[in-house]
Amino acid sequence: MTRTDAKGTILIADSDFGDVDIERAVVEGAGFELLAAQCKSEDEVIEKGRDVDGVLTQYARVGSRAIDAFTRCRVIARYGTGVDIVDVTAATRRGIQVTNAPNEWCADEVADHAVALWLAAARKICQYDRATRQGTWQWQSGEPIWRLRGQVFGLLSFGAIARLIAERAKAFGVEVWAHDPFLDETEIRSHQARPVSFDELLEGSDYLVIQAPLTPQTHHTFDRATLRRMKPTALLINTARGPIVEDTAIHQALTEGWIAGAALDDLEEEPAKQRGWHPRNPLFTLPNVIITPHAAYYSEEAITTVRRIAAEEAVRVLTGQPARYPVNEVPAGSRP
């Protein structure tokens, strides 16, 4: 298909899936042209996407500068649920539909990963593995380890994924606490969890799992002030977004013993958004932290699903159909 034959052009601003076969089948099957790029800055998004009709983005920021530079764009489809990399307000002002994927595309995967990180940190799995490989065959190389049963398992946010985490954690005999300022306490209790204030969650949790969205309000929720208030035996698990935890603060907390350990599925520096990233973060040198590369959502099934959703949403909007998963409300007739 040539550009002149196509109904319009859809740009993949960036992705790390290795190919664009799924998107190409959807986009070209609907009569559009597909362009694939690896943008690592908003300037690159502007350069590649100025005259396209739709944009798919995984990590690349599509901010107000890019949105104002677009001449024909009518839809920005996010690979994933969070849309903090898209200036939704600017898109709405320009009449551009923003879409995402509902939590269900990776809910089980994230819940499984959160529990895996928790257990690995609590049972010192990585620490034991390192010691054994270095020739130390002793249970003492992981001490101290505390029994899980009877401990307080705290959850920051109690949405769909957090509830799946809670269901899994209960099997280990922990007491589930949850803090979610957007939920009524009766809703939390109906899922056999104890509603608590943020202060109670922070100070009372033996294991604290972050599953909150990244917003201006949650950015750096875990800084030096909050980390100092946690139990010295506590473990912090983050399967949400990296910037909710301040890197330098968690490093100090782990080195000075404010908390016992951490398991993080993302870092504040967000390596996937950088070109030529190198592992220079001091957190990588610490024995009491487990770090995974923002992989909690990953399974082959989940990746296939989210790629198809993003491509199909872009095509739906560009062919005059309503988005299945709209993030913003775009008044009729306001699109470019």
Protein backbone atom coordinates (compact mmCIF):
# COMPACT_ATOMS: atom_id res chain seq x y z
CA MET A 1 0.00 0.00 0.00
CA THR A 2 1.36 3.43 -0.91
CA ARG A 3 0.78 6.59 1.07
CA THR A 4 -1.55 7.96 -1.60
CA ASP A 5 -3.70 4.81 -1.40
CA ALA A 6 -3.99 4.89 2.39
CA LYS A 7 -6.85 6.46 4.34
CA GLY A 8 -4.30 8.07 6.64
CA THR A 9 -1.15 7.38 8.61
CA ILE A 10 -0.71 5.91 12.09
CA LEU A 11 2.64 6.30 13.85
CA ILE A 12 4.07 3.95 16.46
CA ALA A 13 6.06 6.55 18.40
CA ASP A 14 7.98 3.83 20.21
CA SER A 15 7.73 0.23 21.39
CA ASP A 16 10.01 -2.53 22.60
CA PHE A 17 8.05 -5.48 21.25
CA GLY A 18 10.65 -6.42 18.64
CA ASP A 19 8.35 -6.14 15.62
CA VAL A 20 5.19 -4.37 14.52
CA ASP A 21 3.45 -7.33 12.91
CA ILE A 22 0.34 -7.26 15.10
CA GLU A 23 -0.15 -3.52 14.62
CA ARG A 24 0.56 -3.71 10.91
CA ALA A 25 -2.09 -6.38 10.40
CA VAL A 26 -4.71 -4.24 12.16
CA VAL A 27 -3.70 -0.87 10.71
CA GLU A 28 -3.02 -1.85 7.11
CA GLY A 29 -5.95 -4.25 7.17
CA ALA A 30 -8.15 -1.21 7.79
CA GLY A 31 -6.56 0.72 4.91
CA PHE A 32 -4.13 2.94 6.82
CA GLU A 33 -0.38 3.31 6.48
CA LEU A 34 1.79 2.35 9.45
CA LEU A 35 5.01 4.15 10.38
CA ALA A 36 7.24 2.78 13.15
CA ALA A 37 9.76 4.89 15.10
CA GLN A 38 11.71 4.74 18.36
CA CYS A 39 11.25 8.23 19.77
CA LYS A 40 13.05 8.98 23.04
CA SER A 41 12.09 12.64 23.33
CA GLU A 42 9.13 14.87 22.63
CA ASP A 43 11.15 16.59 19.91
CA GLU A 44 11.47 13.25 18.13
CA VAL A 45 7.73 12.65 18.49
CA ILE A 46 7.13 16.04 16.83
CA GLU A 47 9.59 15.27 14.06
CA LYS A 48 8.08 11.88 13.25
CA GLY A 49 4.45 12.60 14.03
CA ARG A 50 3.73 16.14 12.94
CA ASP A 51 1.50 15.14 10.01
CA VAL A 52 0.16 11.72 11.07
CA ASP A 53 -3.46 10.94 11.82
CA GLY A 54 -2.92 8.74 14.85
CA VAL A 55 -0.18 7.89 17.36
CA LEU A 56 0.49 4.74 19.36
CA THR A 57 2.93 5.21 22.25
CA GLN A 58 4.49 2.93 24.83
CA TYR A 59 7.07 5.08 26.66
CA ALA A 60 7.52 8.16 24.45
CA ARG A 61 6.03 11.30 25.96
CA VAL A 62 3.33 12.99 23.92
CA GLY A 63 3.09 16.31 25.74
CA SER A 64 1.49 19.62 24.94
CA ARG A 65 4.33 20.71 22.62
CA ALA A 66 3.85 17.64 20.46
CA ILE A 67 0.08 17.86 20.56
CA ASP A 68 0.13 21.52 19.53
CA ALA A 69 2.54 20.67 16.69
CA PHE A 70 0.32 17.93 15.26
CA THR A 71 -1.52 19.05 12.13
CA ARG A 72 -3.93 16.15 11.62
CA CYS A 73 -3.75 13.86 14.65
CA ARG A 74 -7.12 12.63 15.88
CA VAL A 75 -6.16 9.84 18.27
CA ILE A 76 -3.36 8.97 20.71
CA ALA A 77 -3.53 5.35 21.82
CA ARG A 78 -1.44 4.28 24.80
CA TYR A 79 0.02 0.79 25.00
CA GLY A 80 -1.07 0.16 28.58
CA THR A 81 -3.32 1.61 31.26
CA GLY A 82 -1.50 4.65 32.64
CA VAL A 83 -1.56 7.82 30.55
CA ASP A 84 0.83 10.03 32.51
CA ILE A 85 3.06 10.29 29.42
CA VAL A 86 0.23 11.96 27.47
CA ASP A 87 -0.97 15.48 28.15
CA VAL A 88 -4.65 14.57 28.16
CA THR A 89 -5.78 18.14 28.82
CA ALA A 90 -3.91 19.42 25.76
CA ALA A 91 -5.26 16.56 23.67
CA THR A 92 -8.82 17.33 24.73
CA ARG A 93 -8.34 20.99 23.90
CA ARG A 94 -7.22 20.00 20.40
CA GLY A 95 -10.08 17.55 19.97
CA ILE A 96 -7.79 14.51 20.03
CA GLN A 97 -9.13 11.28 21.49
CA VAL A 98 -6.84 9.58 24.01
CA THR A 99 -7.31 5.85 24.64
CA ASN A 100 -5.71 3.25 26.86
CA ALA A 101 -6.14 -0.42 27.73
CA PRO A 102 -8.24 -1.48 30.72
CA ASN A 103 -6.48 -3.14 33.66
CA GLU A 104 -7.77 -6.56 32.68
CA TRP A 105 -5.15 -6.97 29.94
CA CYS A 106 -2.45 -7.69 32.53
CA ALA A 107 -4.21 -7.83 35.90
CA ASP A 108 -3.32 -11.44 36.68
CA GLU A 109 0.26 -10.94 35.54
CA VAL A 110 0.81 -7.91 37.79
CA ALA A 111 -0.81 -9.64 40.76
CA ASP A 112 1.35 -12.72 40.25
CA HIS A 113 4.48 -10.59 39.91
CA ALA A 114 3.72 -8.60 43.06
CA VAL A 115 3.34 -11.77 45.09
CA ALA A 116 6.49 -13.24 43.51
CA LEU A 117 8.50 -10.13 44.45
CA TRP A 118 7.06 -10.18 47.97
CA LEU A 119 7.91 -13.83 48.54
CA ALA A 120 11.35 -13.50 46.98
CA ALA A 121 12.15 -10.56 49.25
CA ALA A 122 10.60 -12.06 52.37
CA ARG A 123 12.22 -15.47 51.92
CA LYS A 124 15.55 -13.95 50.75
CA ILE A 125 15.50 -16.03 47.56
CA CYS A 126 17.93 -13.85 45.61
CA GLN A 127 20.23 -13.49 48.61
CA TYR A 128 20.34 -17.26 49.09
CA ASP A 129 20.94 -17.78 45.39
CA ARG A 130 23.88 -15.37 45.30
CA ALA A 131 25.46 -16.89 48.42
CA THR A 132 25.06 -20.44 47.14
CA ARG A 133 26.63 -19.60 43.78
CA GLN A 134 29.58 -18.12 45.68
CA GLY A 135 30.07 -21.32 47.66
CA THR A 136 28.13 -20.62 50.86
CA TRP A 137 25.70 -23.45 51.65
CA GLN A 138 24.14 -22.17 54.88
CA TRP A 139 20.65 -21.21 55.90
CA GLN A 140 22.23 -18.39 57.91
CA SER A 141 23.14 -16.51 54.72
CA GLY A 142 19.55 -15.31 54.58
CA GLU A 143 18.92 -14.44 58.21
CA PRO A 144 16.82 -12.94 59.58
CA ILE A 145 13.67 -14.33 57.98
CA TRP A 146 10.31 -13.96 59.69
CA ARG A 147 7.25 -16.18 59.42
CA LEU A 148 4.66 -14.79 56.99
CA ARG A 149 1.57 -15.95 58.84
CA GLY A 150 0.18 -13.27 61.11
CA GLN A 151 2.12 -10.41 59.54
CA VAL A 152 0.45 -7.27 58.16
CA PHE A 153 0.29 -7.12 54.37
CA GLY A 154 -0.51 -3.55 53.35
CA LEU A 155 -1.76 -2.30 50.01
CA LEU A 156 -1.59 1.28 48.81
CA SER A 157 -4.65 1.52 46.54
CA PHE A 158 -7.32 -1.14 46.39
CA GLY A 159 -8.39 -1.29 42.77
CA ALA A 160 -8.87 -4.38 40.64
CA ILE A 161 -5.23 -5.46 40.59
CA ALA A 162 -4.68 -4.78 44.29
CA ARG A 163 -7.68 -6.97 45.07
CA LEU A 164 -6.18 -9.81 43.06
CA ILE A 165 -2.94 -9.37 45.00
CA ALA A 166 -4.89 -9.48 48.26
CA GLU A 167 -6.65 -12.70 47.24
CA ARG A 168 -3.30 -14.36 46.56
CA ALA A 169 -1.64 -13.03 49.72
CA LYS A 170 -4.38 -14.26 52.04
CA ALA A 171 -3.38 -17.85 51.29
CA PHE A 172 -0.19 -17.21 53.28
CA GLY A 173 -2.07 -16.26 56.43
CA VAL A 174 -1.29 -12.54 56.43
CA GLU A 175 -3.65 -9.82 57.64
CA VAL A 176 -4.52 -7.59 54.68
CA TRP A 177 -4.74 -3.85 55.23
CA ALA A 178 -5.60 -1.38 52.49
CA HIS A 179 -5.59 2.37 52.04
CA ASP A 180 -7.50 3.91 49.16
CA PRO A 181 -8.83 7.45 49.54
CA PHE A 182 -11.22 6.94 46.62
CA LEU A 183 -13.05 3.95 48.11
CA ASP A 184 -15.64 3.71 50.84
CA GLU A 185 -14.49 1.63 53.80
CA THR A 186 -17.39 -0.79 53.35
CA GLU A 187 -16.11 -1.58 49.84
CA ILE A 188 -12.69 -2.49 51.23
CA ARG A 189 -14.21 -4.59 54.03
CA SER A 190 -16.36 -6.47 51.54
CA HIS A 191 -13.13 -7.94 50.17
CA GLN A 192 -11.99 -9.08 53.62
CA ALA A 193 -9.41 -6.33 53.97
CA ARG A 194 -9.07 -3.82 56.77
CA PRO A 195 -9.41 -0.18 55.70
CA VAL A 196 -6.74 2.02 57.27
CA SER A 197 -5.41 5.54 56.98
CA PHE A 198 -2.20 6.20 55.09
CA ASP A 199 -0.41 6.78 58.39
CA GLU A 200 -1.61 3.43 59.73
CA LEU A 201 -0.60 1.68 56.52
CA LEU A 202 2.84 3.24 56.59
CA GLU A 203 3.59 2.58 60.23
CA GLY A 204 1.84 -0.77 60.67
CA SER A 205 2.67 -2.77 57.54
CA ASP A 206 5.24 -5.53 57.63
CA TYR A 207 4.97 -5.75 53.86
CA LEU A 208 3.71 -2.75 51.91
CA VAL A 209 2.75 -3.19 48.26
CA ILE A 210 2.31 -0.08 46.10
CA GLN A 211 -0.33 -0.50 43.42
CA ALA A 212 -1.39 3.13 43.02
CA PRO A 213 -1.44 5.12 39.77
CA LEU A 214 1.25 7.71 39.11
CA THR A 215 -0.25 11.19 39.45
CA PRO A 216 1.14 14.53 40.62
CA GLN A 217 -0.30 13.63 44.01
CA THR A 218 1.39 10.20 44.24
CA HIS A 219 4.76 11.27 42.79
CA HIS A 220 7.45 10.65 45.46
CA THR A 221 4.88 9.42 47.97
CA PHE A 222 7.75 7.37 49.36
CA ASP A 223 10.43 9.92 50.15
CA ARG A 224 12.77 10.19 53.14
CA ALA A 225 10.03 11.43 55.44
CA THR A 226 7.64 8.56 54.74
CA LEU A 227 10.28 5.83 54.58
CA ARG A 228 11.62 6.82 58.00
CA ARG A 229 8.20 6.08 59.48
CA MET A 230 8.07 2.48 58.32
CA LYS A 231 9.08 -0.46 60.50
CA PRO A 232 12.80 -1.30 60.36
CA THR A 233 11.76 -4.87 59.52
CA ALA A 234 9.37 -3.79 56.74
CA LEU A 235 9.61 -4.68 53.07
CA LEU A 236 8.45 -2.25 50.37
CA ILE A 237 7.20 -3.75 47.10
CA ASN A 238 6.42 -1.50 44.13
CA THR A 239 4.53 -2.96 41.17
CA ALA A 240 3.13 0.42 40.21
CA ARG A 241 5.21 3.19 38.64
CA GLY A 242 8.80 3.94 39.59
CA PRO A 243 8.48 7.68 40.38
CA ILE A 244 6.10 6.94 43.27
CA VAL A 245 9.28 5.96 45.14
CA GLU A 246 12.17 8.43 45.26
CA ASP A 247 15.33 6.56 44.21
CA THR A 248 17.75 8.44 46.44
CA ALA A 249 15.43 8.12 49.42
CA ILE A 250 14.94 4.35 49.08
CA HIS A 251 18.69 3.93 48.64
CA GLN A 252 19.32 5.74 51.91
CA ALA A 253 16.53 3.81 53.64
CA LEU A 254 18.05 0.49 52.57
CA THR A 255 21.65 1.38 53.38
CA GLU A 256 20.88 2.93 56.77
CA GLY A 257 18.38 0.29 57.87
CA TRP A 258 15.23 2.38 57.97
CA ILE A 259 13.53 -0.59 56.29
CA ALA A 260 14.77 -4.16 55.78
CA GLY A 261 14.37 -4.53 52.04
CA ALA A 262 12.59 -3.62 48.84
CA ALA A 263 11.43 -5.22 45.62
CA LEU A 264 10.90 -2.77 42.78
CA ASP A 265 9.45 -3.42 39.34
CA ASP A 266 10.39 0.06 38.12
CA LEU A 267 12.78 2.84 39.02
CA GLU A 268 12.28 6.56 39.23
CA GLU A 269 14.77 7.06 36.38
CA GLU A 270 12.57 4.91 34.07
CA PRO A 271 15.35 3.37 31.93
CA ALA A 272 13.02 2.38 29.08
CA LYS A 273 12.50 6.06 28.30
CA GLN A 274 16.21 6.70 27.81
CA ARG A 275 18.46 6.05 24.86
CA GLY A 276 21.78 4.41 25.73
CA TRP A 277 20.83 3.70 29.35
CA HIS A 278 23.46 2.14 31.60
CA PRO A 279 22.91 0.61 35.08
CA ARG A 280 24.66 3.30 37.13
CA ASN A 281 21.91 3.63 39.74
CA PRO A 282 23.39 2.93 43.21
CA LEU A 283 20.37 0.75 43.98
CA PHE A 284 21.89 -1.96 41.78
CA THR A 285 24.76 -2.35 44.24
CA LEU A 286 22.57 -3.18 47.25
CA PRO A 287 21.98 -6.77 48.39
CA ASN A 288 18.62 -6.06 50.03
CA VAL A 289 16.75 -4.88 46.94
CA ILE A 290 15.29 -6.85 44.03
CA ILE A 291 14.77 -4.94 40.78
CA THR A 292 12.86 -6.13 37.73
CA PRO A 293 12.65 -4.12 34.45
CA HIS A 294 9.03 -2.94 34.66
CA ALA A 295 8.04 -6.46 33.66
CA ALA A 296 5.12 -7.13 36.02
CA TYR A 297 2.61 -6.84 33.18
CA TYR A 298 4.45 -9.23 30.90
CA SER A 299 3.18 -12.49 29.50
CA GLU A 300 3.00 -13.43 25.87
CA GLU A 301 -0.78 -13.30 26.08
CA ALA A 302 -0.83 -9.86 27.73
CA ILE A 303 1.56 -8.31 25.22
CA THR A 304 -0.45 -9.61 22.28
CA THR A 305 -3.64 -8.25 23.82
CA VAL A 306 -2.39 -4.74 24.58
CA ARG A 307 -0.83 -4.31 21.14
CA ARG A 308 -4.06 -5.30 19.45
CA ILE A 309 -6.12 -3.03 21.71
CA ALA A 310 -3.99 0.05 20.95
CA ALA A 311 -4.02 -0.51 17.19
CA GLU A 312 -7.74 -1.27 17.10
CA GLU A 313 -8.56 1.82 19.16
CA ALA A 314 -6.67 4.06 16.75
CA VAL A 315 -8.44 2.52 13.77
CA ARG A 316 -11.85 2.80 15.43
CA VAL A 317 -11.46 6.51 16.09
CA LEU A 318 -10.07 7.23 12.62
CA THR A 319 -12.97 5.39 10.98
CA GLY A 320 -15.56 7.38 12.92
CA GLN A 321 -16.37 4.80 15.58
CA PRO A 322 -16.37 5.55 19.31
CA ALA A 323 -13.34 4.38 21.27
CA ARG A 324 -13.94 1.33 23.45
CA TYR A 325 -11.54 2.61 26.11
CA PRO A 326 -11.60 6.42 26.02
CA VAL A 327 -9.55 8.39 28.54
CA ASN A 328 -11.02 11.79 27.67
CA GLU A 329 -14.28 13.10 26.31
CA VAL A 330 -13.90 14.83 22.98
CA PRO A 331 -16.88 16.94 21.89
CA ALA A 332 -18.31 16.03 18.50
CA GLY A 333 -16.95 18.21 15.74
CA SER A 334 -13.92 19.35 17.74
CA ARG A 335 -11.41 17.02 16.15
CA PRO A 336 -8.86 18.38 13.66
